[in-house]
C-alpha atoms as a PDB file:
ATOM      1  CA  MET A   1       3.148 -63.282 -22.959  1.00  0.00           C
ATOM      2  CA  LYS A   2       0.564 -60.551 -23.239  1.00  0.00           C
ATOM      3  CA  ASN A   3       1.914 -58.294 -20.440  1.00  0.00           C
ATOM      4  CA  ASP A   4      -1.663 -57.623 -19.371  1.00  0.00           C
ATOM      5  CA  HIS A   5      -1.501 -57.329 -15.591  1.00  0.00           C
ATOM      6  CA  GLU A   6      -4.693 -55.362 -15.027  1.00  0.00           C
ATOM      7  CA  ILE A   7      -7.022 -56.451 -12.230  1.00  0.00           C
ATOM      8  CA  THR A   8      -9.853 -56.763 -14.749  1.00  0.00           C
ATOM      9  CA  SER A   9      -7.898 -59.009 -17.117  1.00  0.00           C
ATOM     10  CA  SER A  10      -9.430 -62.368 -17.959  1.00  0.00           C
ATOM     11  CA  MET A  11      -7.158 -65.400 -18.058  1.00  0.00           C
ATOM     12  CA  THR A  12      -9.721 -67.305 -20.136  1.00  0.00           C
ATOM     13  CA  LYS A  13      -9.819 -64.524 -22.711  1.00  0.00           C
ATOM     14  CA  MET A  14      -6.015 -64.407 -22.912  1.00  0.00           C
ATOM     15  CA  LEU A  15      -5.810 -68.184 -23.398  1.00  0.00           C
ATOM     16  CA  LYS A  16      -8.318 -67.977 -26.238  1.00  0.00           C
ATOM     17  CA  GLU A  17      -6.471 -65.070 -27.884  1.00  0.00           C
ATOM     18  CA  LEU A  18      -3.194 -67.004 -27.718  1.00  0.00           C
ATOM     19  CA  SER A  19      -4.928 -70.198 -28.943  1.00  0.00           C
ATOM     20  CA  TRP A  20      -3.617 -72.088 -25.917  1.00  0.00           C
ATOM     21  CA  SER A  21      -5.479 -74.956 -24.315  1.00  0.00           C
ATOM     22  CA  ASP A  22      -6.129 -74.955 -20.592  1.00  0.00           C
ATOM     23  CA  SER A  23      -3.526 -76.354 -18.208  1.00  0.00           C
ATOM     24  CA  ALA A  24      -5.386 -79.658 -17.725  1.00  0.00           C
ATOM     25  CA  ASN A  25      -5.274 -80.400 -21.476  1.00  0.00           C
ATOM     26  CA  ARG A  26      -1.638 -79.330 -21.748  1.00  0.00           C
ATOM     27  CA  GLN A  27      -0.723 -81.602 -18.836  1.00  0.00           C
ATOM     28  CA  ARG A  28      -2.679 -84.497 -20.354  1.00  0.00           C
ATOM     29  CA  ASN A  29      -0.877 -84.026 -23.683  1.00  0.00           C
ATOM     30  CA  LEU A  30       2.532 -83.916 -21.995  1.00  0.00           C
ATOM     31  CA  HIS A  31       1.699 -87.103 -20.085  1.00  0.00           C
ATOM     32  CA  LEU A  32       0.687 -88.846 -23.314  1.00  0.00           C
ATOM     33  CA  VAL A  33       3.926 -87.788 -25.037  1.00  0.00           C
ATOM     34  CA  LEU A  34       5.980 -89.130 -22.129  1.00  0.00           C
ATOM     35  CA  PHE A  35       3.928 -92.352 -22.135  1.00  0.00           C
ATOM     36  CA  TYR A  36       4.601 -92.723 -25.882  1.00  0.00           C
ATOM     37  CA  LYS A  37       8.332 -92.300 -25.215  1.00  0.00           C
ATOM     38  CA  ILE A  38       8.215 -94.895 -22.419  1.00  0.00           C
ATOM     39  CA  ILE A  39       6.367 -97.451 -24.556  1.00  0.00           C
ATOM     40  CA  ASN A  40       8.726 -96.983 -27.481  1.00  0.00           C
ATOM     41  CA  SER A  41      11.887 -97.155 -25.308  1.00  0.00           C
ATOM     42  CA  HIS A  42      12.909 -93.528 -25.817  1.00  0.00           C
ATOM     43  CA  VAL A  43      13.027 -93.189 -22.014  1.00  0.00           C
ATOM     44  CA  ALA A  44      14.671 -95.769 -19.774  1.00  0.00           C
ATOM     45  CA  ILE A  45      11.929 -96.590 -17.274  1.00  0.00           C
ATOM     46  CA  LEU A  46      11.291-100.122 -16.070  1.00  0.00           C
ATOM     47  CA  THR A  47       7.615-100.820 -16.752  1.00  0.00           C
ATOM     48  CA  SER A  48       7.347-104.607 -16.760  1.00  0.00           C
ATOM     49  CA  ASN A  49       5.347-104.653 -13.529  1.00  0.00           C
ATOM     50  CA  LEU A  50       3.229-101.582 -14.401  1.00  0.00           C
ATOM     51  CA  LEU A  51       2.235-101.949 -18.047  1.00  0.00           C
ATOM     52  CA  ILE A  52       0.261-105.135 -18.532  1.00  0.00           C
ATOM     53  CA  PRO A  53      -1.328-105.562 -21.976  1.00  0.00           C
ATOM     54  CA  ALA A  54      -5.122-105.471 -21.827  1.00  0.00           C
ATOM     55  CA  ASP A  55      -7.392-108.227 -23.034  1.00  0.00           C
ATOM     56  CA  SER A  56      -7.958-107.943 -26.789  1.00  0.00           C
ATOM     57  CA  ARG A  57     -11.735-108.124 -26.293  1.00  0.00           C
ATOM     58  CA  THR A  58     -11.993-104.581 -24.952  1.00  0.00           C
ATOM     59  CA  ARG A  59     -13.652-101.770 -26.905  1.00  0.00           C
ATOM     60  CA  VAL A  60     -10.496 -99.729 -27.357  1.00  0.00           C
ATOM     61  CA  LYS A  61      -9.742 -98.764 -30.964  1.00  0.00           C
ATOM     62  CA  HIS A  62      -6.082 -99.830 -31.084  1.00  0.00           C
ATOM     63  CA  GLN A  63      -3.813-102.754 -30.215  1.00  0.00           C
ATOM     64  CA  HIS A  64      -1.524-100.940 -27.739  1.00  0.00           C
ATOM     65  CA  LYS A  65      -3.843-100.836 -24.746  1.00  0.00           C
ATOM     66  CA  PHE A  66      -3.006-101.651 -21.144  1.00  0.00           C
ATOM     67  CA  LYS A  67      -4.838-102.814 -18.059  1.00  0.00           C
ATOM     68  CA  HIS A  68      -5.838 -99.962 -15.788  1.00  0.00           C
ATOM     69  CA  ILE A  69      -4.109 -99.823 -12.430  1.00  0.00           C
ATOM     70  CA  ALA A  70      -6.501-100.313  -9.513  1.00  0.00           C
ATOM     71  CA  VAL A  71      -5.691 -97.766  -6.814  1.00  0.00           C
ATOM     72  CA  GLN A  72      -6.936 -97.467  -3.263  1.00  0.00           C
ATOM     73  CA  THR A  73      -5.497 -94.137  -2.114  1.00  0.00           C
ATOM     74  CA  PRO A  74      -5.647 -90.571  -3.475  1.00  0.00           C
ATOM     75  CA  VAL A  75      -1.853 -90.482  -3.718  1.00  0.00           C
ATOM     76  CA  LEU A  76      -1.786 -93.432  -6.114  1.00  0.00           C
ATOM     77  CA  GLU A  77      -4.898 -92.196  -7.899  1.00  0.00           C
ATOM     78  CA  ASN A  78      -2.942 -89.145  -9.029  1.00  0.00           C
ATOM     79  CA  SER A  79       0.197 -91.059 -10.005  1.00  0.00           C
ATOM     80  CA  PHE A  80       1.472 -90.899 -13.580  1.00  0.00           C
ATOM     81  CA  PHE A  81       0.590 -94.406 -14.749  1.00  0.00           C
ATOM     82  CA  ALA A  82      -2.796 -94.570 -13.011  1.00  0.00           C
ATOM     83  CA  LYS A  83      -3.863 -91.310 -14.682  1.00  0.00           C
ATOM     84  CA  THR A  84      -2.222 -91.792 -18.086  1.00  0.00           C
ATOM     85  CA  ILE A  85      -3.167 -95.378 -18.975  1.00  0.00           C
ATOM     86  CA  PRO A  86      -6.915 -94.570 -19.300  1.00  0.00           C
ATOM     87  CA  ASP A  87      -6.117 -91.531 -21.484  1.00  0.00           C
ATOM     88  CA  TRP A  88      -3.776 -93.678 -23.612  1.00  0.00           C
ATOM     89  CA  ASP A  89      -6.388 -96.400 -24.033  1.00  0.00           C
ATOM     90  CA  GLU A  90      -8.962 -93.801 -25.144  1.00  0.00           C
ATOM     91  CA  SER A  91      -6.629 -92.287 -27.759  1.00  0.00           C
ATOM     92  CA  ASN A  92      -7.194 -93.088 -31.411  1.00  0.00           C
ATOM     93  CA  ALA A  93      -5.045 -95.570 -33.333  1.00  0.00           C
ATOM     94  CA  GLU A  94      -3.359 -92.943 -35.554  1.00  0.00           C
ATOM     95  CA  LEU A  95      -1.980 -91.187 -32.484  1.00  0.00           C
ATOM     96  CA  VAL A  96      -0.908 -94.294 -30.577  1.00  0.00           C
ATOM     97  CA  GLU A  97       0.706 -95.953 -33.609  1.00  0.00           C
ATOM     98  CA  ALA A  98       2.609 -92.858 -34.739  1.00  0.00           C
ATOM     99  CA  PRO A  99       6.022 -93.779 -36.175  1.00  0.00           C
ATOM    100  CA  SER A 100       7.941 -91.084 -34.259  1.00  0.00           C
ATOM    101  CA  VAL A 101       7.641 -88.641 -31.387  1.00  0.00           C
ATOM    102  CA  ASP A 102       7.491 -85.753 -33.860  1.00  0.00           C
ATOM    103  CA  THR A 103       4.430 -87.167 -35.605  1.00  0.00           C
ATOM    104  CA  PHE A 104       2.873 -88.160 -32.303  1.00  0.00           C
END
């Protein structure tokens, strides 16, 4: 994007100049968008055994929360649903209850 291939170039500085978030935040956002699409049936993925509604007595700010998946191995710990459900549950109600993918 910036065509700055000097050995002294700073990736952090370039990201700030381009107003881009770091790769971890971009990946988290992409996971949340895909999760939104899954929940709202925009993507055909069978989730009946993975997405179990959470107890309504939790401290989460919205009604679309799910039980976290207990994992025992690092492979499962890094799986999509195990990583995304906690991020989803921590999201605010306006985001989770968005009427469309575009407004999400």
